[in-house]
Amino acid sequence: MAGDEETRVLLRGLLRLHHFRVDGEAEGATQAVELVRVHRPSLLVVDANLAEGSSGPLVGQARALVPGLRVILVAPASRPPNLPSDPGQRPDAVLLRPFRIRQFAEALVPSGGGELPVPH
């Protein structure tokens, strides 16, 4: 996940608070895919502003390595992401910054109905 250090610290803390282990961080898609290959996580949090690559292909490659991988995309509200048409490259949830802690907590686990709604 890329983003300013303040956001990273907040997200790491929120993940740990909800009993998720943080295995690593990446600046770009190539490094992120390698971390997924090595650690095989159940959750991937991706910032829409990657230093290298883009979120859609990253999501697709990560899910090819870890089927069922849950992906949360974090993006600024001032620039909501254009989501790929390919469902395999779409995140499970999109959080627009600034977001509430409760919104992040709700995005961590799938609702009974499957995918969470993407805000507009």
PDB file of N, CA and C in Angstrom:
ATOM      1  N   MET A   1       0.849  -1.151   0.000  1.00  0.00           N
ATOM      2  CA  MET A   1       0.000   0.000   0.000  1.00  0.00           C
ATOM      3  C   MET A   1       0.896   1.214   0.000  1.00  0.00           C
ATOM      4  N   ALA A   2       0.566   2.193  -0.787  1.00  0.00           N
ATOM      5  CA  ALA A   2       1.313   3.441  -0.805  1.00  0.00           C
ATOM      6  C   ALA A   2       0.447   4.519  -0.193  1.00  0.00           C
ATOM      7  N   GLY A   3       1.063   5.524   0.323  1.00  0.00           N
ATOM      8  CA  GLY A   3       0.329   6.621   0.932  1.00  0.00           C
ATOM      9  C   GLY A   3       1.223   7.298   1.928  1.00  0.00           C
ATOM     10  N   ASP A   4       0.780   8.413   2.461  1.00  0.00           N
ATOM     11  CA  ASP A   4       1.646   9.114   3.402  1.00  0.00           C
ATOM     12  C   ASP A   4       1.805   8.298   4.681  1.00  0.00           C
ATOM     13  N   GLU A   5       2.880   8.586   5.383  1.00  0.00           N
ATOM     14  CA  GLU A   5       3.234   7.795   6.558  1.00  0.00           C
ATOM     15  C   GLU A   5       2.151   7.844   7.633  1.00  0.00           C
ATOM     16  N   GLU A   6       1.503   8.976   7.775  1.00  0.00           N
ATOM     17  CA  GLU A   6       0.434   9.098   8.768  1.00  0.00           C
ATOM     18  C   GLU A   6      -0.698   8.107   8.492  1.00  0.00           C
ATOM     19  N   THR A   7      -1.087   7.981   7.231  1.00  0.00           N
ATOM     20  CA  THR A   7      -2.141   7.045   6.852  1.00  0.00           C
ATOM     21  C   THR A   7      -1.681   5.616   7.092  1.00  0.00           C
ATOM     22  N   ARG A   8      -0.439   5.321   6.768  1.00  0.00           N
ATOM     23  CA  ARG A   8       0.097   3.978   6.998  1.00  0.00           C
ATOM     24  C   ARG A   8       0.064   3.598   8.468  1.00  0.00           C
ATOM     25  N   VAL A   9       0.476   4.520   9.327  1.00  0.00           N
ATOM     26  CA  VAL A   9       0.476   4.252  10.768  1.00  0.00           C
ATOM     27  C   VAL A   9      -0.947   3.995  11.239  1.00  0.00           C
ATOM     28  N   LEU A  10      -1.878   4.814  10.801  1.00  0.00           N
ATOM     29  CA  LEU A  10      -3.283   4.639  11.180  1.00  0.00           C
ATOM     30  C   LEU A  10      -3.808   3.279  10.723  1.00  0.00           C
ATOM     31  N   LEU A  11      -3.564   2.926   9.461  1.00  0.00           N
ATOM     32  CA  LEU A  11      -4.063   1.654   8.938  1.00  0.00           C
ATOM     33  C   LEU A  11      -3.420   0.461   9.643  1.00  0.00           C
ATOM     34  N   ARG A  12      -2.112   0.534   9.887  1.00  0.00           N
ATOM     35  CA  ARG A  12      -1.444  -0.561  10.627  1.00  0.00           C
ATOM     36  C   ARG A  12      -2.092  -0.742  11.990  1.00  0.00           C
ATOM     37  N   GLY A  13      -2.318   0.371  12.691  1.00  0.00           N
ATOM     38  CA  GLY A  13      -2.923   0.293  14.019  1.00  0.00           C
ATOM     39  C   GLY A  13      -4.330  -0.282  13.977  1.00  0.00           C
ATOM     40  N   LEU A  14      -5.123   0.160  13.001  1.00  0.00           N
ATOM     41  CA  LEU A  14      -6.491  -0.347  12.882  1.00  0.00           C
ATOM     42  C   LEU A  14      -6.505  -1.832  12.540  1.00  0.00           C
ATOM     43  N   LEU A  15      -5.602  -2.255  11.675  1.00  0.00           N
ATOM     44  CA  LEU A  15      -5.532  -3.679  11.333  1.00  0.00           C
ATOM     45  C   LEU A  15      -5.169  -4.512  12.558  1.00  0.00           C
ATOM     46  N   ARG A  16      -4.187  -4.065  13.303  1.00  0.00           N
ATOM     47  CA  ARG A  16      -3.777  -4.807  14.500  1.00  0.00           C
ATOM     48  C   ARG A  16      -4.880  -4.808  15.551  1.00  0.00           C
ATOM     49  N   LEU A  17      -5.573  -3.679  15.692  1.00  0.00           N
ATOM     50  CA  LEU A  17      -6.693  -3.594  16.625  1.00  0.00           C
ATOM     51  C   LEU A  17      -7.751  -4.642  16.306  1.00  0.00           C
ATOM     52  N   HIS A  18      -7.932  -4.951  15.024  1.00  0.00           N
ATOM     53  CA  HIS A  18      -8.928  -5.935  14.592  1.00  0.00           C
ATOM     54  C   HIS A  18      -8.305  -7.311  14.357  1.00  0.00           C
ATOM     55  N   HIS A  19      -7.141  -7.533  14.966  1.00  0.00           N
ATOM     56  CA  HIS A  19      -6.477  -8.849  15.006  1.00  0.00           C
ATOM     57  C   HIS A  19      -5.989  -9.324  13.643  1.00  0.00           C
ATOM     58  N   PHE A  20      -5.583  -8.403  12.780  1.00  0.00           N
ATOM     59  CA  PHE A  20      -4.937  -8.762  11.527  1.00  0.00           C
ATOM     60  C   PHE A  20      -3.445  -8.536  11.692  1.00  0.00           C
ATOM     61  N   ARG A  21      -2.654  -9.475  11.217  1.00  0.00           N
ATOM     62  CA  ARG A  21      -1.202  -9.347  11.243  1.00  0.00           C
ATOM     63  C   ARG A  21      -0.780  -8.535  10.012  1.00  0.00           C
ATOM     64  N   VAL A  22       0.115  -7.593  10.200  1.00  0.00           N
ATOM     65  CA  VAL A  22       0.633  -6.796   9.092  1.00  0.00           C
ATOM     66  C   VAL A  22       1.973  -7.402   8.702  1.00  0.00           C
ATOM     67  N   ASP A  23       2.014  -8.040   7.526  1.00  0.00           N
ATOM     68  CA  ASP A  23       3.221  -8.736   7.085  1.00  0.00           C
ATOM     69  C   ASP A  23       4.200  -7.840   6.347  1.00  0.00           C
ATOM     70  N   GLY A  24       3.727  -6.750   5.772  1.00  0.00           N
ATOM     71  CA  GLY A  24       4.641  -5.886   5.049  1.00  0.00           C
ATOM     72  C   GLY A  24       3.907  -4.754   4.356  1.00  0.00           C
ATOM     73  N   GLU A  25       4.697  -3.868   3.790  1.00  0.00           N
ATOM     74  CA  GLU A  25       4.175  -2.737   3.044  1.00  0.00           C
ATOM     75  C   GLU A  25       4.978  -2.605   1.763  1.00  0.00           C
ATOM     76  N   ALA A  26       4.325  -2.098   0.736  1.00  0.00           N
ATOM     77  CA  ALA A  26       4.982  -1.942  -0.556  1.00  0.00           C
ATOM     78  C   ALA A  26       4.656  -0.564  -1.113  1.00  0.00           C
ATOM     79  N   GLU A  27       5.595  -0.014  -1.859  1.00  0.00           N
ATOM     80  CA  GLU A  27       5.380   1.277  -2.514  1.00  0.00           C
ATOM     81  C   GLU A  27       4.638   1.116  -3.838  1.00  0.00           C
ATOM     82  N   GLY A  28       4.842  -0.009  -4.495  1.00  0.00           N
ATOM     83  CA  GLY A  28       4.248  -0.200  -5.812  1.00  0.00           C
ATOM     84  C   GLY A  28       3.728  -1.608  -6.017  1.00  0.00           C
ATOM     85  N   ALA A  29       3.144  -1.822  -7.182  1.00  0.00           N
ATOM     86  CA  ALA A  29       2.479  -3.087  -7.487  1.00  0.00           C
ATOM     87  C   ALA A  29       3.448  -4.271  -7.523  1.00  0.00           C
ATOM     88  N   THR A  30       4.614  -4.095  -8.123  1.00  0.00           N
ATOM     89  CA  THR A  30       5.571  -5.205  -8.247  1.00  0.00           C
ATOM     90  C   THR A  30       5.988  -5.712  -6.874  1.00  0.00           C
ATOM     91  N   GLN A  31       6.334  -4.794  -5.993  1.00  0.00           N
ATOM     92  CA  GLN A  31       6.738  -5.171  -4.641  1.00  0.00           C
ATOM     93  C   GLN A  31       5.564  -5.779  -3.877  1.00  0.00           C
ATOM     94  N   ALA A  32       4.365  -5.251  -4.083  1.00  0.00           N
ATOM     95  CA  ALA A  32       3.177  -5.774  -3.400  1.00  0.00           C
ATOM     96  C   ALA A  32       2.894  -7.215  -3.819  1.00  0.00           C
ATOM     97  N   VAL A  33       2.986  -7.490  -5.114  1.00  0.00           N
ATOM     98  CA  VAL A  33       2.751  -8.854  -5.601  1.00  0.00           C
ATOM     99  C   VAL A  33       3.769  -9.814  -4.987  1.00  0.00           C
ATOM    100  N   GLU A  34       5.001  -9.384  -4.857  1.00  0.00           N
ATOM    101  CA  GLU A  34       6.021 -10.244  -4.252  1.00  0.00           C
ATOM    102  C   GLU A  34       5.697 -10.517  -2.783  1.00  0.00           C
ATOM    103  N   LEU A  35       5.229  -9.499  -2.063  1.00  0.00           N
ATOM    104  CA  LEU A  35       4.836  -9.713  -0.665  1.00  0.00           C
ATOM    105  C   LEU A  35       3.667 -10.689  -0.572  1.00  0.00           C
ATOM    106  N   VAL A  36       2.711 -10.581  -1.479  1.00  0.00           N
ATOM    107  CA  VAL A  36       1.576 -11.516  -1.491  1.00  0.00           C
ATOM    108  C   VAL A  36       2.070 -12.928  -1.779  1.00  0.00           C
ATOM    109  N   ARG A  37       3.003 -13.051  -2.715  1.00  0.00           N
ATOM    110  CA  ARG A  37       3.553 -14.372  -3.058  1.00  0.00           C
ATOM    111  C   ARG A  37       4.231 -15.011  -1.841  1.00  0.00           C
ATOM    112  N   VAL A  38       4.968 -14.236  -1.085  1.00  0.00           N
ATOM    113  CA  VAL A  38       5.718 -14.762   0.057  1.00  0.00           C
ATOM    114  C   VAL A  38       4.820 -15.019   1.265  1.00  0.00           C
ATOM    115  N   HIS A  39       3.939 -14.068   1.588  1.00  0.00           N
ATOM    116  CA  HIS A  39       3.173 -14.141   2.840  1.00  0.00           C
ATOM    117  C   HIS A  39       1.780 -14.742   2.711  1.00  0.00           C
ATOM    118  N   ARG A  40       1.204 -14.757   1.501  1.00  0.00           N
ATOM    119  CA  ARG A  40      -0.110 -15.333   1.237  1.00  0.00           C
ATOM    120  C   ARG A  40      -1.164 -14.825   2.230  1.00  0.00           C
ATOM    121  N   PRO A  41      -1.386 -13.519   2.258  1.00  0.00           N
ATOM    122  CA  PRO A  41      -2.332 -12.952   3.226  1.00  0.00           C
ATOM    123  C   PRO A  41      -3.783 -13.242   2.869  1.00  0.00           C
ATOM    124  N   SER A  42      -4.653 -13.005   3.838  1.00  0.00           N
ATOM    125  CA  SER A  42      -6.096 -13.128   3.584  1.00  0.00           C
ATOM    126  C   SER A  42      -6.698 -11.773   3.237  1.00  0.00           C
ATOM    127  N   LEU A  43      -5.953 -10.703   3.515  1.00  0.00           N
ATOM    128  CA  LEU A  43      -6.433  -9.339   3.289  1.00  0.00           C
ATOM    129  C   LEU A  43      -5.316  -8.502   2.702  1.00  0.00           C
ATOM    130  N   LEU A  44      -5.668  -7.677   1.722  1.00  0.00           N
ATOM    131  CA  LEU A  44      -4.722  -6.744   1.112  1.00  0.00           C
ATOM    132  C   LEU A  44      -5.371  -5.369   1.115  1.00  0.00           C
ATOM    133  N   VAL A  45      -4.685  -4.388   1.697  1.00  0.00           N
ATOM    134  CA  VAL A  45      -5.155  -3.011   1.691  1.00  0.00           C
ATOM    135  C   VAL A  45      -4.278  -2.256   0.705  1.00  0.00           C
ATOM    136  N   VAL A  46      -4.910  -1.645  -0.299  1.00  0.00           N
ATOM    137  CA  VAL A  46      -4.174  -0.985  -1.376  1.00  0.00           C
ATOM    138  C   VAL A  46      -4.570   0.481  -1.429  1.00  0.00           C
ATOM    139  N   ASP A  47      -3.579   1.349  -1.470  1.00  0.00           N
ATOM    140  CA  ASP A  47      -3.840   2.763  -1.688  1.00  0.00           C
ATOM    141  C   ASP A  47      -3.961   2.974  -3.193  1.00  0.00           C
ATOM    142  N   ALA A  48      -4.899   3.797  -3.604  1.00  0.00           N
ATOM    143  CA  ALA A  48      -5.116   4.033  -5.037  1.00  0.00           C
ATOM    144  C   ALA A  48      -3.920   4.723  -5.689  1.00  0.00           C
ATOM    145  N   ASN A  49      -3.089   5.402  -4.900  1.00  0.00           N
ATOM    146  CA  ASN A  49      -1.936   6.123  -5.437  1.00  0.00           C
ATOM    147  C   ASN A  49      -0.662   5.313  -5.235  1.00  0.00           C
ATOM    148  N   LEU A  50      -0.442   4.353  -6.104  1.00  0.00           N
ATOM    149  CA  LEU A  50       0.760   3.532  -6.032  1.00  0.00           C
ATOM    150  C   LEU A  50       1.926   4.256  -6.698  1.00  0.00           C
ATOM    151  N   ALA A  51       3.138   4.058  -6.182  1.00  0.00           N
ATOM    152  CA  ALA A  51       4.322   4.664  -6.778  1.00  0.00           C
ATOM    153  C   ALA A  51       4.617   4.048  -8.142  1.00  0.00           C
ATOM    154  N   GLU A  52       4.201   2.800  -8.329  1.00  0.00           N
ATOM    155  CA  GLU A  52       4.445   2.075  -9.586  1.00  0.00           C
ATOM    156  C   GLU A  52       3.288   1.116  -9.799  1.00  0.00           C
ATOM    157  N   GLY A  53       2.766   1.085 -11.009  1.00  0.00           N
ATOM    158  CA  GLY A  53       1.667   0.189 -11.333  1.00  0.00           C
ATOM    159  C   GLY A  53       0.328   0.790 -10.957  1.00  0.00           C
ATOM    160  N   SER A  54      -0.724  -0.020 -11.125  1.00  0.00           N
ATOM    161  CA  SER A  54      -2.061   0.442 -10.765  1.00  0.00           C
ATOM    162  C   SER A  54      -2.801  -0.659 -10.012  1.00  0.00           C
ATOM    163  N   SER A  55      -3.852  -0.246  -9.332  1.00  0.00           N
ATOM    164  CA  SER A  55      -4.520  -1.169  -8.415  1.00  0.00           C
ATOM    165  C   SER A  55      -5.221  -2.331  -9.107  1.00  0.00           C
ATOM    166  N   GLY A  56      -5.852  -2.109 -10.266  1.00  0.00           N
ATOM    167  CA  GLY A  56      -6.580  -3.185 -10.938  1.00  0.00           C
ATOM    168  C   GLY A  56      -5.716  -4.402 -11.246  1.00  0.00           C
ATOM    169  N   PRO A  57      -4.622  -4.211 -11.995  1.00  0.00           N
ATOM    170  CA  PRO A  57      -3.741  -5.353 -12.272  1.00  0.00           C
ATOM    171  C   PRO A  57      -3.134  -5.957 -11.001  1.00  0.00           C
ATOM    172  N   LEU A  58      -2.836  -5.110 -10.012  1.00  0.00           N
ATOM    173  CA  LEU A  58      -2.312  -5.621  -8.740  1.00  0.00           C
ATOM    174  C   LEU A  58      -3.311  -6.560  -8.093  1.00  0.00           C
ATOM    175  N   VAL A  59      -4.575  -6.149  -8.044  1.00  0.00           N
ATOM    176  CA  VAL A  59      -5.616  -6.986  -7.446  1.00  0.00           C
ATOM    177  C   VAL A  59      -5.719  -8.310  -8.204  1.00  0.00           C
ATOM    178  N   GLY A  60      -5.735  -8.257  -9.527  1.00  0.00           N
ATOM    179  CA  GLY A  60      -5.826  -9.475 -10.334  1.00  0.00           C
ATOM    180  C   GLY A  60      -4.671 -10.433 -10.096  1.00  0.00           C
ATOM    181  N   GLN A  61      -3.457  -9.900 -10.067  1.00  0.00           N
ATOM    182  CA  GLN A  61      -2.272 -10.739  -9.845  1.00  0.00           C
ATOM    183  C   GLN A  61      -2.270 -11.318  -8.434  1.00  0.00           C
ATOM    184  N   ALA A  62      -2.663 -10.503  -7.458  1.00  0.00           N
ATOM    185  CA  ALA A  62      -2.683 -10.977  -6.074  1.00  0.00           C
ATOM    186  C   ALA A  62      -3.713 -12.092  -5.897  1.00  0.00           C
ATOM    187  N   ARG A  63      -4.871 -11.929  -6.514  1.00  0.00           N
ATOM    188  CA  ARG A  63      -5.909 -12.969  -6.394  1.00  0.00           C
ATOM    189  C   ARG A  63      -5.543 -14.236  -7.160  1.00  0.00           C
ATOM    190  N   ALA A  64      -4.734 -14.111  -8.197  1.00  0.00           N
ATOM    191  CA  ALA A  64      -4.257 -15.304  -8.897  1.00  0.00           C
ATOM    192  C   ALA A  64      -3.345 -16.118  -7.976  1.00  0.00           C
ATOM    193  N   LEU A  65      -2.619 -15.419  -7.115  1.00  0.00           N
ATOM    194  CA  LEU A  65      -1.727 -16.095  -6.166  1.00  0.00           C
ATOM    195  C   LEU A  65      -2.483 -16.619  -4.944  1.00  0.00           C
ATOM    196  N   VAL A  66      -3.476 -15.849  -4.491  1.00  0.00           N
ATOM    197  CA  VAL A  66      -4.236 -16.204  -3.288  1.00  0.00           C
ATOM    198  C   VAL A  66      -5.725 -16.085  -3.613  1.00  0.00           C
ATOM    199  N   PRO A  67      -6.316 -17.138  -4.150  1.00  0.00           N
ATOM    200  CA  PRO A  67      -7.750 -17.081  -4.444  1.00  0.00           C
ATOM    201  C   PRO A  67      -8.538 -16.769  -3.172  1.00  0.00           C
ATOM    202  N   GLY A  68      -9.543 -15.950  -3.299  1.00  0.00           N
ATOM    203  CA  GLY A  68     -10.344 -15.566  -2.148  1.00  0.00           C
ATOM    204  C   GLY A  68      -9.772 -14.408  -1.350  1.00  0.00           C
ATOM    205  N   LEU A  69      -8.660 -13.862  -1.799  1.00  0.00           N
ATOM    206  CA  LEU A  69      -8.039 -12.724  -1.127  1.00  0.00           C
ATOM    207  C   LEU A  69      -9.016 -11.558  -1.079  1.00  0.00           C
ATOM    208  N   ARG A  70      -9.205 -10.981   0.103  1.00  0.00           N
ATOM    209  CA  ARG A  70     -10.074  -9.811   0.266  1.00  0.00           C
ATOM    210  C   ARG A  70      -9.223  -8.566   0.054  1.00  0.00           C
ATOM    211  N   VAL A  71      -9.742  -7.625  -0.752  1.00  0.00           N
ATOM    212  CA  VAL A  71      -8.983  -6.418  -1.080  1.00  0.00           C
ATOM    213  C   VAL A  71      -9.803  -5.178  -0.733  1.00  0.00           C
ATOM    214  N   ILE A  72      -9.168  -4.273   0.004  1.00  0.00           N
ATOM    215  CA  ILE A  72      -9.754  -2.978   0.317  1.00  0.00           C
ATOM    216  C   ILE A  72      -8.910  -1.924  -0.387  1.00  0.00           C
ATOM    217  N   LEU A  73      -9.560  -1.080  -1.169  1.00  0.00           N
ATOM    218  CA  LEU A  73      -8.887   0.007  -1.863  1.00  0.00           C
ATOM    219  C   LEU A  73      -9.183   1.309  -1.128  1.00  0.00           C
ATOM    220  N   VAL A  74      -8.137   2.045  -0.801  1.00  0.00           N
ATOM    221  CA  VAL A  74      -8.260   3.330  -0.119  1.00  0.00           C
ATOM    222  C   VAL A  74      -7.902   4.414  -1.121  1.00  0.00           C
ATOM    223  N   ALA A  75      -8.790   5.406  -1.275  1.00  0.00           N
ATOM    224  CA  ALA A  75      -8.584   6.471  -2.254  1.00  0.00           C
ATOM    225  C   ALA A  75      -9.059   7.801  -1.675  1.00  0.00           C
ATOM    226  N   PRO A  76      -8.498   8.892  -2.168  1.00  0.00           N
ATOM    227  CA  PRO A  76      -8.974  10.194  -1.693  1.00  0.00           C
ATOM    228  C   PRO A  76     -10.375  10.475  -2.227  1.00  0.00           C
ATOM    229  N   ALA A  77     -11.218  11.065  -1.381  1.00  0.00           N
ATOM    230  CA  ALA A  77     -12.584  11.398  -1.800  1.00  0.00           C
ATOM    231  C   ALA A  77     -12.575  12.396  -2.943  1.00  0.00           C
ATOM    232  N   SER A  78     -11.515  13.188  -3.026  1.00  0.00           N
ATOM    233  CA  SER A  78     -11.421  14.183  -4.096  1.00  0.00           C
ATOM    234  C   SER A  78     -11.147  13.548  -5.457  1.00  0.00           C
ATOM    235  N   ARG A  79     -10.662  12.304  -5.453  1.00  0.00           N
ATOM    236  CA  ARG A  79     -10.381  11.587  -6.709  1.00  0.00           C
ATOM    237  C   ARG A  79     -10.806  10.127  -6.582  1.00  0.00           C
ATOM    238  N   PRO A  80     -12.118   9.857  -6.555  1.00  0.00           N
ATOM    239  CA  PRO A  80     -12.572   8.469  -6.457  1.00  0.00           C
ATOM    240  C   PRO A  80     -12.022   7.648  -7.626  1.00  0.00           C
ATOM    241  N   PRO A  81     -11.694   6.396  -7.377  1.00  0.00           N
ATOM    242  CA  PRO A  81     -11.080   5.575  -8.432  1.00  0.00           C
ATOM    243  C   PRO A  81     -12.076   5.160  -9.509  1.00  0.00           C
ATOM    244  N   ASN A  82     -11.564   5.003 -10.708  1.00  0.00           N
ATOM    245  CA  ASN A  82     -12.317   4.355 -11.781  1.00  0.00           C
ATOM    246  C   ASN A  82     -12.032   2.875 -11.637  1.00  0.00           C
ATOM    247  N   LEU A  83     -13.036   2.114 -11.279  1.00  0.00           N
ATOM    248  CA  LEU A  83     -12.827   0.690 -11.030  1.00  0.00           C
ATOM    249  C   LEU A  83     -12.836  -0.096 -12.326  1.00  0.00           C
ATOM    250  N   PRO A  84     -11.963  -1.101 -12.425  1.00  0.00           N
ATOM    251  CA  PRO A  84     -11.913  -1.935 -13.624  1.00  0.00           C
ATOM    252  C   PRO A  84     -13.233  -2.666 -13.856  1.00  0.00           C
ATOM    253  N   SER A  85     -13.545  -2.921 -15.117  1.00  0.00           N
ATOM    254  CA  SER A  85     -14.773  -3.663 -15.429  1.00  0.00           C
ATOM    255  C   SER A  85     -14.609  -5.151 -15.122  1.00  0.00           C
ATOM    256  N   ASP A  86     -13.377  -5.642 -15.125  1.00  0.00           N
ATOM    257  CA  ASP A  86     -13.094  -7.047 -14.823  1.00  0.00           C
ATOM    258  C   ASP A  86     -13.303  -7.293 -13.328  1.00  0.00           C
ATOM    259  N   PRO A  87     -14.275  -8.146 -12.957  1.00  0.00           N
ATOM    260  CA  PRO A  87     -14.541  -8.395 -11.532  1.00  0.00           C
ATOM    261  C   PRO A  87     -13.322  -8.929 -10.783  1.00  0.00           C
ATOM    262  N   GLY A  88     -12.433  -9.625 -11.454  1.00  0.00           N
ATOM    263  CA  GLY A  88     -11.239 -10.161 -10.809  1.00  0.00           C
ATOM    264  C   GLY A  88     -10.246  -9.088 -10.402  1.00  0.00           C
ATOM    265  N   GLN A  89     -10.388  -7.890 -10.970  1.00  0.00           N
ATOM    266  CA  GLN A  89      -9.493  -6.788 -10.642  1.00  0.00           C
ATOM    267  C   GLN A  89     -10.148  -5.738  -9.745  1.00  0.00           C
ATOM    268  N   ARG A  90     -11.417  -5.964  -9.417  1.00  0.00           N
ATOM    269  CA  ARG A  90     -12.144  -5.001  -8.576  1.00  0.00           C
ATOM    270  C   ARG A  90     -11.917  -5.313  -7.099  1.00  0.00           C
ATOM    271  N   PRO A  91     -11.731  -4.282  -6.278  1.00  0.00           N
ATOM    272  CA  PRO A  91     -11.607  -4.523  -4.837  1.00  0.00           C
ATOM    273  C   PRO A  91     -12.954  -4.942  -4.253  1.00  0.00           C
ATOM    274  N   ASP A  92     -12.907  -5.548  -3.085  1.00  0.00           N
ATOM    275  CA  ASP A  92     -14.135  -5.932  -2.383  1.00  0.00           C
ATOM    276  C   ASP A  92     -14.799  -4.726  -1.735  1.00  0.00           C
ATOM    277  N   ALA A  93     -13.989  -3.751  -1.368  1.00  0.00           N
ATOM    278  CA  ALA A  93     -14.509  -2.539  -0.732  1.00  0.00           C
ATOM    279  C   ALA A  93     -13.621  -1.369  -1.111  1.00  0.00           C
ATOM    280  N   VAL A  94     -14.224  -0.196  -1.208  1.00  0.00           N
ATOM    281  CA  VAL A  94     -13.498   1.043  -1.466  1.00  0.00           C
ATOM    282  C   VAL A  94     -13.783   1.986  -0.302  1.00  0.00           C
ATOM    283  N   LEU A  95     -12.728   2.508   0.287  1.00  0.00           N
ATOM    284  CA  LEU A  95     -12.863   3.505   1.349  1.00  0.00           C
ATOM    285  C   LEU A  95     -12.321   4.818   0.823  1.00  0.00           C
ATOM    286  N   LEU A  96     -13.146   5.848   0.870  1.00  0.00           N
ATOM    287  CA  LEU A  96     -12.716   7.164   0.435  1.00  0.00           C
ATOM    288  C   LEU A  96     -12.250   7.955   1.644  1.00  0.00           C
ATOM    289  N   ARG A  97     -11.016   8.477   1.556  1.00  0.00           N
ATOM    290  CA  ARG A  97     -10.449   9.289   2.633  1.00  0.00           C
ATOM    291  C   ARG A  97     -11.035  10.679   2.587  1.00  0.00           C
ATOM    292  N   PRO A  98     -11.348  11.238   3.739  1.00  0.00           N
ATOM    293  CA  PRO A  98     -11.238  10.630   5.063  1.00  0.00           C
ATOM    294  C   PRO A  98     -12.406   9.681   5.315  1.00  0.00           C
ATOM    295  N   PHE A  99     -12.131   8.614   6.013  1.00  0.00           N
ATOM    296  CA  PHE A  99     -13.183   7.654   6.349  1.00  0.00           C
ATOM    297  C   PHE A  99     -13.239   7.501   7.856  1.00  0.00           C
ATOM    298  N   ARG A 100     -14.342   6.966   8.313  1.00  0.00           N
ATOM    299  CA  ARG A 100     -14.524   6.725   9.753  1.00  0.00           C
ATOM    300  C   ARG A 100     -13.950   5.359  10.103  1.00  0.00           C
ATOM    301  N   ILE A 101     -13.482   5.250  11.324  1.00  0.00           N
ATOM    302  CA  ILE A 101     -12.905   3.981  11.786  1.00  0.00           C
ATOM    303  C   ILE A 101     -13.915   2.861  11.626  1.00  0.00           C
ATOM    304  N   ARG A 102     -15.177   3.145  11.891  1.00  0.00           N
ATOM    305  CA  ARG A 102     -16.211   2.114  11.750  1.00  0.00           C
ATOM    306  C   ARG A 102     -16.318   1.626  10.300  1.00  0.00           C
ATOM    307  N   GLN A 103     -16.185   2.539   9.333  1.00  0.00           N
ATOM    308  CA  GLN A 103     -16.235   2.144   7.924  1.00  0.00           C
ATOM    309  C   GLN A 103     -15.093   1.189   7.604  1.00  0.00           C
ATOM    310  N   PHE A 104     -13.915   1.461   8.139  1.00  0.00           N
ATOM    311  CA  PHE A 104     -12.776   0.585   7.912  1.00  0.00           C
ATOM    312  C   PHE A 104     -13.039  -0.782   8.524  1.00  0.00           C
ATOM    313  N   ALA A 105     -13.544  -0.796   9.758  1.00  0.00           N
ATOM    314  CA  ALA A 105     -13.838  -2.062  10.436  1.00  0.00           C
ATOM    315  C   ALA A 105     -14.858  -2.877   9.648  1.00  0.00           C
ATOM    316  N   GLU A 106     -15.884  -2.223   9.113  1.00  0.00           N
ATOM    317  CA  GLU A 106     -16.901  -2.924   8.328  1.00  0.00           C
ATOM    318  C   GLU A 106     -16.329  -3.469   7.024  1.00  0.00           C
ATOM    319  N   ALA A 107     -15.350  -2.784   6.466  1.00  0.00           N
ATOM    320  CA  ALA A 107     -14.749  -3.241   5.210  1.00  0.00           C
ATOM    321  C   ALA A 107     -13.841  -4.452   5.399  1.00  0.00           C
ATOM    322  N   LEU A 108     -13.383  -4.682   6.621  1.00  0.00           N
ATOM    323  CA  LEU A 108     -12.453  -5.786   6.874  1.00  0.00           C
ATOM    324  C   LEU A 108     -13.062  -7.165   6.659  1.00  0.00           C
ATOM    325  N   VAL A 109     -14.336  -7.297   6.933  1.00  0.00           N
ATOM    326  CA  VAL A 109     -14.967  -8.607   6.802  1.00  0.00           C
ATOM    327  C   VAL A 109     -16.142  -8.518   5.835  1.00  0.00           C
ATOM    328  N   PRO A 110     -16.323  -9.545   5.030  1.00  0.00           N
ATOM    329  CA  PRO A 110     -17.435  -9.504   4.083  1.00  0.00           C
ATOM    330  C   PRO A 110     -18.773  -9.539   4.808  1.00  0.00           C
ATOM    331  N   SER A 111     -19.708  -8.830   4.248  1.00  0.00           N
ATOM    332  CA  SER A 111     -21.062  -8.893   4.795  1.00  0.00           C
ATOM    333  C   SER A 111     -21.679 -10.211   4.338  1.00  0.00           C
ATOM    334  N   GLY A 112     -22.804 -10.562   4.887  1.00  0.00           N
ATOM    335  CA  GLY A 112     -23.465 -11.806   4.521  1.00  0.00           C
ATOM    336  C   GLY A 112     -23.791 -11.891   3.054  1.00  0.00           C
ATOM    337  N   GLY A 113     -23.960 -10.746   2.395  1.00  0.00           N
ATOM    338  CA  GLY A 113     -24.337 -10.730   1.002  1.00  0.00           C
ATOM    339  C   GLY A 113     -23.197 -10.733   0.021  1.00  0.00           C
ATOM    340  N   GLY A 114     -21.956 -10.853   0.497  1.00  0.00           N
ATOM    341  CA  GLY A 114     -20.825 -10.873  -0.434  1.00  0.00           C
ATOM    342  C   GLY A 114     -20.144  -9.524  -0.489  1.00  0.00           C
ATOM    343  N   GLU A 115     -20.057  -8.941  -1.684  1.00  0.00           N
ATOM    344  CA  GLU A 115     -19.319  -7.703  -1.876  1.00  0.00           C
ATOM    345  C   GLU A 115     -19.963  -6.537  -1.124  1.00  0.00           C
ATOM    346  N   LEU A 116     -19.116  -5.659  -0.625  1.00  0.00           N
ATOM    347  CA  LEU A 116     -19.592  -4.438   0.002  1.00  0.00           C
ATOM    348  C   LEU A 116     -19.831  -3.394  -1.085  1.00  0.00           C
ATOM    349  N   PRO A 117     -20.742  -2.485  -0.850  1.00  0.00           N
ATOM    350  CA  PRO A 117     -20.989  -1.459  -1.851  1.00  0.00           C
ATOM    351  C   PRO A 117     -19.798  -0.536  -1.996  1.00  0.00           C
ATOM    352  N   VAL A 118     -19.609  -0.031  -3.185  1.00  0.00           N
ATOM    353  CA  VAL A 118     -18.551   0.922  -3.474  1.00  0.00           C
ATOM    354  C   VAL A 118     -19.181   2.302  -3.433  1.00  0.00           C
ATOM    355  N   PRO A 119     -18.637   3.220  -2.595  1.00  0.00           N
ATOM    356  CA  PRO A 119     -19.241   4.543  -2.517  1.00  0.00           C
ATOM    357  C   PRO A 119     -19.073   5.296  -3.825  1.00  0.00           C
ATOM    358  N   HIS A 120     -20.006   6.198  -4.106  1.00  0.00           N
ATOM    359  CA  HIS A 120     -19.945   6.996  -5.336  1.00  0.00           C
ATOM    360  C   HIS A 120     -19.607   8.415  -5.017  1.00  0.00           C
TER     361      HIS A 120
END
